[in-house]
Amino acid sequence: MYPIQMVDLQRQYQRIKDQIDASLKDIMEKATFIGGKYVNDFAEQLAAYHNAKHAITCANGTDALQISMMALGLQPGDEVITPSFTYVATTEVIALLRLQPVFVDVDPKTFCLDPEEVRKAITPKTKAIVPVHLYGHAAPMDEILEIAKEHNLFVIEDNAQGIGCDYTSKDKRVYKTGTMGTVGCTSFFPSKNLGCYGDGGAMVTNNPALAETLKMVANHGQKTRYYHEMVGCNSRLDAMQAAILSIKLPLLDGYIKARREAADYYDTAFAACEKITTPYRAPYSNHVFHQYTLVLEGVDRDGLVAYLAENKIPSMIYYPVPAHKQKMFASFGGAKYSLPVTDWLTERVISLPIHTELDKEQQDYIIDHVLKFVNKA
């Protein structure tokens, strides 16, 4: 049996090694490392994949969120509604720009923003909502967009974990996550469903004026070199990462299919265990399983993590401390929030290995050890 990893990028690389190596060799020989054909081609491919008008690349997913908020003209003191149950990057950029993060609770089944909690949190200072398509499951965008329209708010989709997910709206139209709001942001961190071999990110929008502003913000606030129209930043996807992503993007749907098959296999194996709740799939979302996350009840989670590690099975807790309880948000009033669902989840979730190379022998080994520990508890 191959060693089990949370994400097996080594074996995935072996399947596309010849294409990757040829592209990187071409870049090295041409010495075009920043911008150029590979970056432009990937941006066009990414927009086409999303059926969107514009895709703007940048250095990483965190930058994508920051650039979006800058391009939308959010000002210090403006309130931005966000889940606390998410990776800290989502909320960190809000604080970095001296905006006010407003933390709201999530749905206990989908782990995504609860629209009713969003509605309760709106004030005259609210300017934007940041739904997170967490673990690969889409947030309830119909309701969120309705609220945003009613209050004239921007919607910045954090699609770092959801790329490739299809969302079926109430009118039965199908959209890719990241294309329904004002702007969608994604990450190409290596472990993502579409990952490069360094860092990378992108923004997707159907608004041509916003697309132009996003490009400017990401490039020192300039359209023409040395003529800077606004304060921007330096955030680039380099040619090597773009070349790798161009090779992997046509494979993304196949990667997602493999993840779903692995998730289905886990689901069947854990179905009879009352102490384990397997990932929920809402009718509007076709989960892409960036993570396969269980909710445990009556189980020593730390003990399970240690037991699995002893048997060479990795696992992760995403996320043990919610954003509003992080020290970094103390000055933003984090301690004042009462988010019972978020607190409940942080004590119970655990993620098991899931990736494109995961085989049945590995899964059986993982399943056997999880059930052995849980049933003994």
Protein backbone atom coordinates (compact mmCIF):
# COMPACT_ATOMS: atom_id res chain seq x y z
CA MET A 1 0.00 0.00 0.00
CA TYR A 2 1.22 3.48 -0.86
CA PRO A 3 1.84 5.76 2.13
CA ILE A 4 -1.36 7.67 2.91
CA GLN A 5 -1.27 11.45 2.58
CA MET A 6 -3.96 14.12 3.02
CA VAL A 7 -3.21 15.07 -0.61
CA ASP A 8 -0.89 12.99 -2.79
CA LEU A 9 0.63 15.51 -5.19
CA GLN A 10 3.60 13.30 -6.01
CA ARG A 11 1.54 10.58 -7.66
CA GLN A 12 -0.71 13.15 -9.32
CA TYR A 13 2.38 14.80 -10.83
CA GLN A 14 3.62 11.51 -12.26
CA ARG A 15 0.48 11.28 -14.41
CA ILE A 16 1.15 14.65 -16.06
CA LYS A 17 4.93 14.79 -15.69
CA ASP A 18 5.79 14.94 -19.38
CA GLN A 19 3.44 17.86 -20.07
CA ILE A 20 4.53 19.77 -16.98
CA ASP A 21 8.23 19.27 -17.65
CA ALA A 22 7.90 20.33 -21.29
CA SER A 23 6.09 23.56 -20.39
CA LEU A 24 8.55 24.48 -17.66
CA LYS A 25 11.48 23.78 -19.99
CA ASP A 26 9.91 26.06 -22.60
CA ILE A 27 9.57 28.86 -20.06
CA MET A 28 13.16 28.45 -18.89
CA GLU A 29 14.46 28.55 -22.45
CA LYS A 30 12.42 31.65 -23.33
CA ALA A 31 13.08 33.28 -19.93
CA THR A 32 9.57 34.74 -19.84
CA PHE A 33 8.82 34.36 -16.16
CA ILE A 34 6.36 37.18 -15.48
CA GLY A 35 3.28 37.73 -17.63
CA GLY A 36 3.29 36.57 -21.22
CA LYS A 37 1.45 33.90 -23.16
CA TYR A 38 1.14 31.26 -20.45
CA VAL A 39 -0.46 33.69 -17.99
CA ASN A 40 -2.77 35.22 -20.59
CA ASP A 41 -3.82 31.85 -21.94
CA PHE A 42 -4.62 30.49 -18.50
CA ALA A 43 -6.73 33.54 -17.62
CA GLU A 44 -8.77 32.99 -20.78
CA GLN A 45 -9.16 29.27 -20.04
CA LEU A 46 -10.24 29.99 -16.47
CA ALA A 47 -12.88 32.49 -17.58
CA ALA A 48 -14.18 30.02 -20.18
CA TYR A 49 -14.35 27.20 -17.62
CA HIS A 50 -16.51 29.39 -15.40
CA ASN A 51 -18.59 30.68 -18.31
CA ALA A 52 -17.55 34.13 -17.08
CA LYS A 53 -16.45 37.20 -19.00
CA HIS A 54 -13.26 37.93 -17.08
CA ALA A 55 -10.65 36.12 -15.01
CA ILE A 56 -7.81 38.09 -13.45
CA THR A 57 -4.87 36.18 -12.02
CA CYS A 58 -2.86 37.16 -8.95
CA ALA A 59 -0.28 35.80 -6.53
CA ASN A 60 -2.53 33.89 -4.13
CA GLY A 61 -6.07 33.49 -2.86
CA THR A 62 -5.60 35.88 0.05
CA ASP A 63 -4.49 38.60 -2.37
CA ALA A 64 -7.55 37.86 -4.51
CA LEU A 65 -9.80 38.75 -1.58
CA GLN A 66 -7.79 41.84 -0.68
CA ILE A 67 -7.62 43.11 -4.26
CA SER A 68 -11.37 42.61 -4.63
CA MET A 69 -12.13 44.66 -1.53
CA MET A 70 -9.75 47.40 -2.65
CA ALA A 71 -11.19 47.46 -6.17
CA LEU A 72 -14.73 47.76 -4.80
CA GLY A 73 -13.70 50.86 -2.88
CA LEU A 74 -14.40 49.57 0.62
CA GLN A 75 -13.21 52.08 3.21
CA PRO A 76 -11.95 51.76 6.82
CA GLY A 77 -14.89 51.24 9.13
CA ASP A 78 -17.12 49.63 6.51
CA GLU A 79 -18.65 46.43 7.80
CA VAL A 80 -18.14 43.13 5.98
CA ILE A 81 -20.21 40.08 6.97
CA THR A 82 -18.26 36.84 7.03
CA PRO A 83 -18.39 33.42 8.67
CA SER A 84 -16.08 32.82 11.60
CA PHE A 85 -15.90 29.13 10.70
CA THR A 86 -13.40 29.45 7.85
CA TYR A 87 -9.68 29.71 7.21
CA VAL A 88 -8.34 32.92 8.69
CA ALA A 89 -7.39 34.43 5.30
CA THR A 90 -11.05 35.21 4.61
CA THR A 91 -11.30 37.42 7.65
CA GLU A 92 -7.68 38.54 7.87
CA VAL A 93 -7.89 40.69 4.74
CA ILE A 94 -10.92 42.49 6.15
CA ALA A 95 -8.92 43.50 9.22
CA LEU A 96 -5.83 44.29 7.15
CA LEU A 97 -7.77 46.92 5.22
CA ARG A 98 -9.14 48.30 8.53
CA LEU A 99 -12.63 47.24 7.59
CA GLN A 100 -14.84 45.82 10.32
CA PRO A 101 -15.38 42.05 10.19
CA VAL A 102 -18.88 41.08 11.31
CA PHE A 103 -18.89 37.40 12.20
CA VAL A 104 -22.05 35.35 11.72
CA ASP A 105 -22.94 31.74 12.35
CA VAL A 106 -23.14 28.92 9.83
CA ASP A 107 -25.54 26.15 8.98
CA PRO A 108 -24.64 23.03 11.01
CA LYS A 109 -25.10 20.75 7.98
CA THR A 110 -23.46 22.67 5.13
CA PHE A 111 -20.92 24.57 7.30
CA CYS A 112 -21.66 27.65 5.14
CA LEU A 113 -23.22 31.02 6.00
CA ASP A 114 -26.71 30.92 7.48
CA PRO A 115 -28.74 33.51 5.52
CA GLU A 116 -30.98 34.32 8.49
CA GLU A 117 -27.93 35.13 10.57
CA VAL A 118 -26.62 37.31 7.73
CA ARG A 119 -29.87 39.25 7.66
CA LYS A 120 -29.74 39.87 11.42
CA ALA A 121 -26.20 41.25 11.16
CA ILE A 122 -26.87 43.99 8.60
CA THR A 123 -26.49 47.60 9.74
CA PRO A 124 -26.25 50.93 7.87
CA LYS A 125 -22.47 50.39 7.80
CA THR A 126 -22.65 47.01 6.04
CA LYS A 127 -21.10 47.13 2.58
CA ALA A 128 -20.34 43.52 1.64
CA ILE A 129 -20.99 39.85 2.34
CA VAL A 130 -18.26 37.21 1.95
CA PRO A 131 -19.83 33.75 1.62
CA VAL A 132 -17.34 30.90 1.79
CA HIS A 133 -17.92 27.72 -0.22
CA LEU A 134 -16.37 25.72 2.60
CA TYR A 135 -14.81 22.28 2.08
CA GLY A 136 -16.18 22.31 -1.49
CA HIS A 137 -19.89 22.75 -0.68
CA ALA A 138 -21.62 25.82 -2.10
CA ALA A 139 -23.04 28.48 0.19
CA PRO A 140 -26.80 29.20 -0.22
CA MET A 141 -26.30 31.85 -2.86
CA ASP A 142 -29.95 32.46 -3.81
CA GLU A 143 -30.75 33.71 -0.33
CA ILE A 144 -27.48 35.59 0.06
CA LEU A 145 -27.91 37.36 -3.29
CA GLU A 146 -31.48 38.30 -2.39
CA ILE A 147 -30.29 39.88 0.85
CA ALA A 148 -27.47 41.67 -0.96
CA LYS A 149 -29.83 43.07 -3.58
CA GLU A 150 -32.28 44.23 -0.94
CA HIS A 151 -29.56 46.15 0.92
CA ASN A 152 -27.36 47.13 -2.05
CA LEU A 153 -24.36 45.12 -0.87
CA PHE A 154 -21.39 43.64 -2.69
CA VAL A 155 -21.00 39.84 -2.63
CA ILE A 156 -17.41 38.61 -2.66
CA GLU A 157 -17.41 34.83 -3.02
CA ASP A 158 -14.55 33.02 -1.33
CA ASN A 159 -14.27 30.11 -3.74
CA ALA A 160 -10.82 28.93 -2.65
CA GLN A 161 -12.19 25.53 -1.64
CA GLY A 162 -15.07 25.34 -4.11
CA ILE A 163 -13.63 25.69 -7.60
CA GLY A 164 -15.53 23.47 -10.02
CA CYS A 165 -18.65 23.24 -7.87
CA ASP A 166 -21.97 23.62 -9.70
CA TYR A 167 -24.74 25.59 -8.02
CA THR A 168 -28.33 25.06 -9.14
CA SER A 169 -30.40 28.19 -8.49
CA LYS A 170 -34.08 28.31 -7.59
CA ASP A 171 -34.89 29.01 -11.24
CA LYS A 172 -32.97 25.81 -12.17
CA ARG A 173 -30.09 27.60 -13.85
CA VAL A 174 -26.66 26.14 -13.13
CA TYR A 175 -23.69 28.34 -12.22
CA LYS A 176 -20.14 27.69 -11.20
CA THR A 177 -19.44 28.90 -7.70
CA GLY A 178 -17.49 32.14 -7.85
CA THR A 179 -19.60 33.57 -10.68
CA MET A 180 -22.81 34.61 -8.94
CA GLY A 181 -21.63 37.45 -6.75
CA THR A 182 -19.93 40.71 -7.58
CA VAL A 183 -16.60 38.91 -7.78
CA GLY A 184 -15.37 35.40 -7.03
CA CYS A 185 -11.95 34.69 -5.51
CA THR A 186 -10.00 31.46 -5.64
CA SER A 187 -6.68 30.00 -4.56
CA PHE A 188 -4.33 27.68 -6.41
CA PHE A 189 -2.39 26.60 -3.34
CA PRO A 190 -0.91 23.15 -4.16
CA SER A 191 -3.40 21.19 -2.04
CA LYS A 192 -6.46 22.79 -3.66
CA ASN A 193 -8.58 20.83 -6.14
CA LEU A 194 -6.90 22.91 -8.85
CA GLY A 195 -3.47 23.55 -7.40
CA CYS A 196 -0.21 24.81 -8.82
CA TYR A 197 3.30 24.02 -7.56
CA GLY A 198 3.80 27.22 -5.63
CA ASP A 199 1.24 29.88 -4.90
CA GLY A 200 -1.42 31.45 -7.08
CA GLY A 201 -4.87 32.95 -7.11
CA ALA A 202 -7.49 34.52 -9.33
CA MET A 203 -10.64 36.61 -9.43
CA VAL A 204 -13.63 36.03 -11.70
CA THR A 205 -16.25 38.63 -12.63
CA ASN A 206 -18.76 39.45 -15.33
CA ASN A 207 -18.37 43.20 -14.80
CA PRO A 208 -15.91 44.65 -17.36
CA ALA A 209 -15.30 47.88 -15.41
CA LEU A 210 -14.57 45.95 -12.24
CA ALA A 211 -12.29 43.58 -14.15
CA GLU A 212 -10.24 46.56 -15.34
CA THR A 213 -9.98 47.90 -11.79
CA LEU A 214 -8.98 44.49 -10.42
CA LYS A 215 -6.17 44.31 -12.97
CA MET A 216 -4.99 47.78 -12.01
CA VAL A 217 -5.04 47.13 -8.26
CA ALA A 218 -3.06 43.91 -8.75
CA ASN A 219 -0.47 45.80 -10.81
CA HIS A 220 0.49 48.78 -8.66
CA GLY A 221 -2.65 50.70 -9.65
CA GLN A 222 -1.55 51.19 -13.24
CA LYS A 223 -2.94 50.54 -16.73
CA THR A 224 0.07 52.03 -18.47
CA ARG A 225 3.51 51.35 -17.08
CA TYR A 226 4.75 54.04 -14.68
CA TYR A 227 1.38 55.88 -14.70
CA HIS A 228 -0.32 54.96 -11.44
CA GLU A 229 -3.97 55.95 -11.11
CA MET A 230 -4.70 54.44 -7.69
CA VAL A 231 -3.00 52.78 -4.77
CA GLY A 232 -2.55 49.14 -5.64
CA CYS A 233 -0.30 46.23 -4.80
CA ASN A 234 2.06 43.83 -6.52
CA SER A 235 0.31 40.49 -6.99
CA ARG A 236 1.23 38.31 -9.95
CA LEU A 237 0.71 34.73 -11.02
CA ASP A 238 4.04 33.75 -12.57
CA ALA A 239 4.34 31.98 -15.90
CA MET A 240 5.44 28.65 -14.44
CA GLN A 241 2.39 28.41 -12.21
CA ALA A 242 0.12 29.49 -15.08
CA ALA A 243 1.60 26.79 -17.32
CA ILE A 244 1.00 24.11 -14.67
CA LEU A 245 -2.57 25.31 -14.12
CA SER A 246 -3.28 25.31 -17.86
CA ILE A 247 -2.36 21.64 -17.96
CA LYS A 248 -4.40 20.75 -14.87
CA LEU A 249 -7.54 22.81 -15.60
CA PRO A 250 -8.85 20.43 -18.33
CA LEU A 251 -8.38 17.61 -15.80
CA LEU A 252 -10.25 19.37 -12.98
CA ASP A 253 -13.64 17.77 -13.59
CA GLY A 254 -11.96 14.36 -13.61
CA TYR A 255 -10.18 15.21 -10.37
CA ILE A 256 -13.52 16.20 -8.84
CA LYS A 257 -15.12 12.95 -10.04
CA ALA A 258 -12.40 10.96 -8.28
CA ARG A 259 -12.93 12.93 -5.08
CA ARG A 260 -16.69 12.35 -5.21
CA GLU A 261 -16.19 8.62 -5.70
CA ALA A 262 -13.89 8.52 -2.69
CA ALA A 263 -16.45 10.50 -0.67
CA ASP A 264 -19.23 8.10 -1.66
CA TYR A 265 -17.09 5.16 -0.55
CA TYR A 266 -16.48 6.76 2.84
CA ASP A 267 -20.20 7.61 3.17
CA THR A 268 -21.26 4.01 2.66
CA ALA A 269 -18.72 2.73 5.14
CA PHE A 270 -19.71 5.16 7.89
CA ALA A 271 -23.47 5.14 7.28
CA ALA A 272 -24.32 2.74 10.11
CA CYS A 273 -22.21 4.51 12.75
CA GLU A 274 -24.40 6.77 14.89
CA LYS A 275 -21.41 8.67 16.26
CA ILE A 276 -20.36 9.86 12.79
CA THR A 277 -22.18 12.34 10.58
CA THR A 278 -20.92 12.28 7.01
CA PRO A 279 -20.84 15.40 4.78
CA TYR A 280 -24.23 16.79 3.81
CA ARG A 281 -25.03 17.64 0.19
CA ALA A 282 -27.72 20.26 -0.27
CA PRO A 283 -29.88 19.86 -3.40
CA TYR A 284 -28.42 23.05 -4.88
CA SER A 285 -24.76 22.02 -4.56
CA ASN A 286 -22.77 19.21 -6.14
CA HIS A 287 -20.02 19.02 -3.51
CA VAL A 288 -16.45 18.96 -4.92
CA PHE A 289 -14.90 17.64 -1.68
CA HIS A 290 -11.89 19.79 -1.18
CA GLN A 291 -12.12 18.24 2.26
CA TYR A 292 -14.01 15.20 3.49
CA THR A 293 -15.15 16.35 6.91
CA LEU A 294 -16.97 14.30 9.53
CA VAL A 295 -18.85 15.56 12.56
CA LEU A 296 -18.24 13.37 15.60
CA GLU A 297 -20.54 12.97 18.58
CA GLY A 298 -19.44 11.27 21.79
CA VAL A 299 -15.95 10.58 20.43
CA ASP A 300 -12.57 11.68 21.83
CA ARG A 301 -11.51 13.59 18.72
CA ASP A 302 -7.96 14.29 19.87
CA GLY A 303 -7.64 10.64 20.80
CA LEU A 304 -8.80 9.65 17.31
CA VAL A 305 -6.31 12.02 15.67
CA ALA A 306 -3.49 10.52 17.77
CA TYR A 307 -4.63 6.95 17.10
CA LEU A 308 -4.76 7.53 13.35
CA ALA A 309 -1.31 9.16 13.41
CA GLU A 310 0.09 6.14 15.29
CA ASN A 311 -1.16 4.03 12.39
CA LYS A 312 0.32 6.36 9.75
CA ILE A 313 -3.03 7.89 8.80
CA PRO A 314 -3.03 11.68 8.57
CA SER A 315 -6.08 13.70 9.56
CA MET A 316 -6.76 17.39 10.07
CA ILE A 317 -9.06 19.61 12.11
CA TYR A 318 -10.34 22.47 9.96
CA TYR A 319 -10.70 24.63 12.08
CA PRO A 320 -9.97 24.22 15.82
CA VAL A 321 -10.27 27.92 16.72
CA PRO A 322 -12.86 30.05 14.90
CA ALA A 323 -11.85 33.47 13.63
CA HIS A 324 -13.80 35.48 16.21
CA LYS A 325 -11.85 33.77 19.00
CA GLN A 326 -8.44 34.40 17.45
CA LYS A 327 -6.21 36.88 19.28
CA MET A 328 -5.76 38.88 16.07
CA PHE A 329 -9.43 39.93 16.18
CA ALA A 330 -9.54 41.01 19.81
CA SER A 331 -9.40 44.70 18.86
CA PHE A 332 -12.23 44.13 16.36
CA GLY A 333 -14.62 42.96 19.06
CA GLY A 334 -14.28 39.25 18.41
CA ALA A 335 -15.04 38.34 22.00
CA LYS A 336 -18.52 39.86 21.88
CA TYR A 337 -19.87 37.27 19.43
CA SER A 338 -22.00 34.30 20.40
CA LEU A 339 -21.86 31.75 17.58
CA PRO A 340 -23.11 28.46 19.03
CA VAL A 341 -23.09 26.45 15.80
CA THR A 342 -19.55 27.55 15.00
CA ASP A 343 -18.38 26.64 18.51
CA TRP A 344 -20.17 23.28 18.29
CA LEU A 345 -18.50 22.44 14.98
CA THR A 346 -14.99 23.43 16.05
CA GLU A 347 -15.23 20.84 18.83
CA ARG A 348 -16.44 18.02 16.56
CA VAL A 349 -15.12 18.21 13.00
CA ILE A 350 -12.32 16.06 11.62
CA SER A 351 -11.17 15.73 8.00
CA LEU A 352 -9.89 12.51 6.49
CA PRO A 353 -7.59 12.09 3.47
CA ILE A 354 -9.28 12.72 0.14
CA HIS A 355 -7.56 13.31 -3.19
CA THR A 356 -7.33 12.14 -6.77
CA GLU A 357 -4.91 9.28 -6.09
CA LEU A 358 -6.66 7.78 -3.07
CA ASP A 359 -7.31 4.08 -3.72
CA LYS A 360 -9.70 1.57 -2.16
CA GLU A 361 -6.95 -0.24 -0.26
CA GLN A 362 -5.97 3.01 1.43
CA GLN A 363 -9.58 3.93 2.13
CA ASP A 364 -10.35 0.52 3.63
CA TYR A 365 -7.35 0.92 5.92
CA ILE A 366 -8.52 4.39 6.99
CA ILE A 367 -12.13 3.30 7.47
CA ASP A 368 -11.20 0.22 9.51
CA HIS A 369 -9.12 2.29 11.93
CA VAL A 370 -11.68 5.07 12.28
CA LEU A 371 -14.48 2.62 13.05
CA LYS A 372 -12.31 0.58 15.38
CA PHE A 373 -11.60 3.65 17.50
CA VAL A 374 -15.07 5.18 17.32
CA ASN A 375 -16.96 1.97 18.10
CA LYS A 376 -14.71 1.33 21.08
CA ALA A 377 -15.44 4.79 22.49
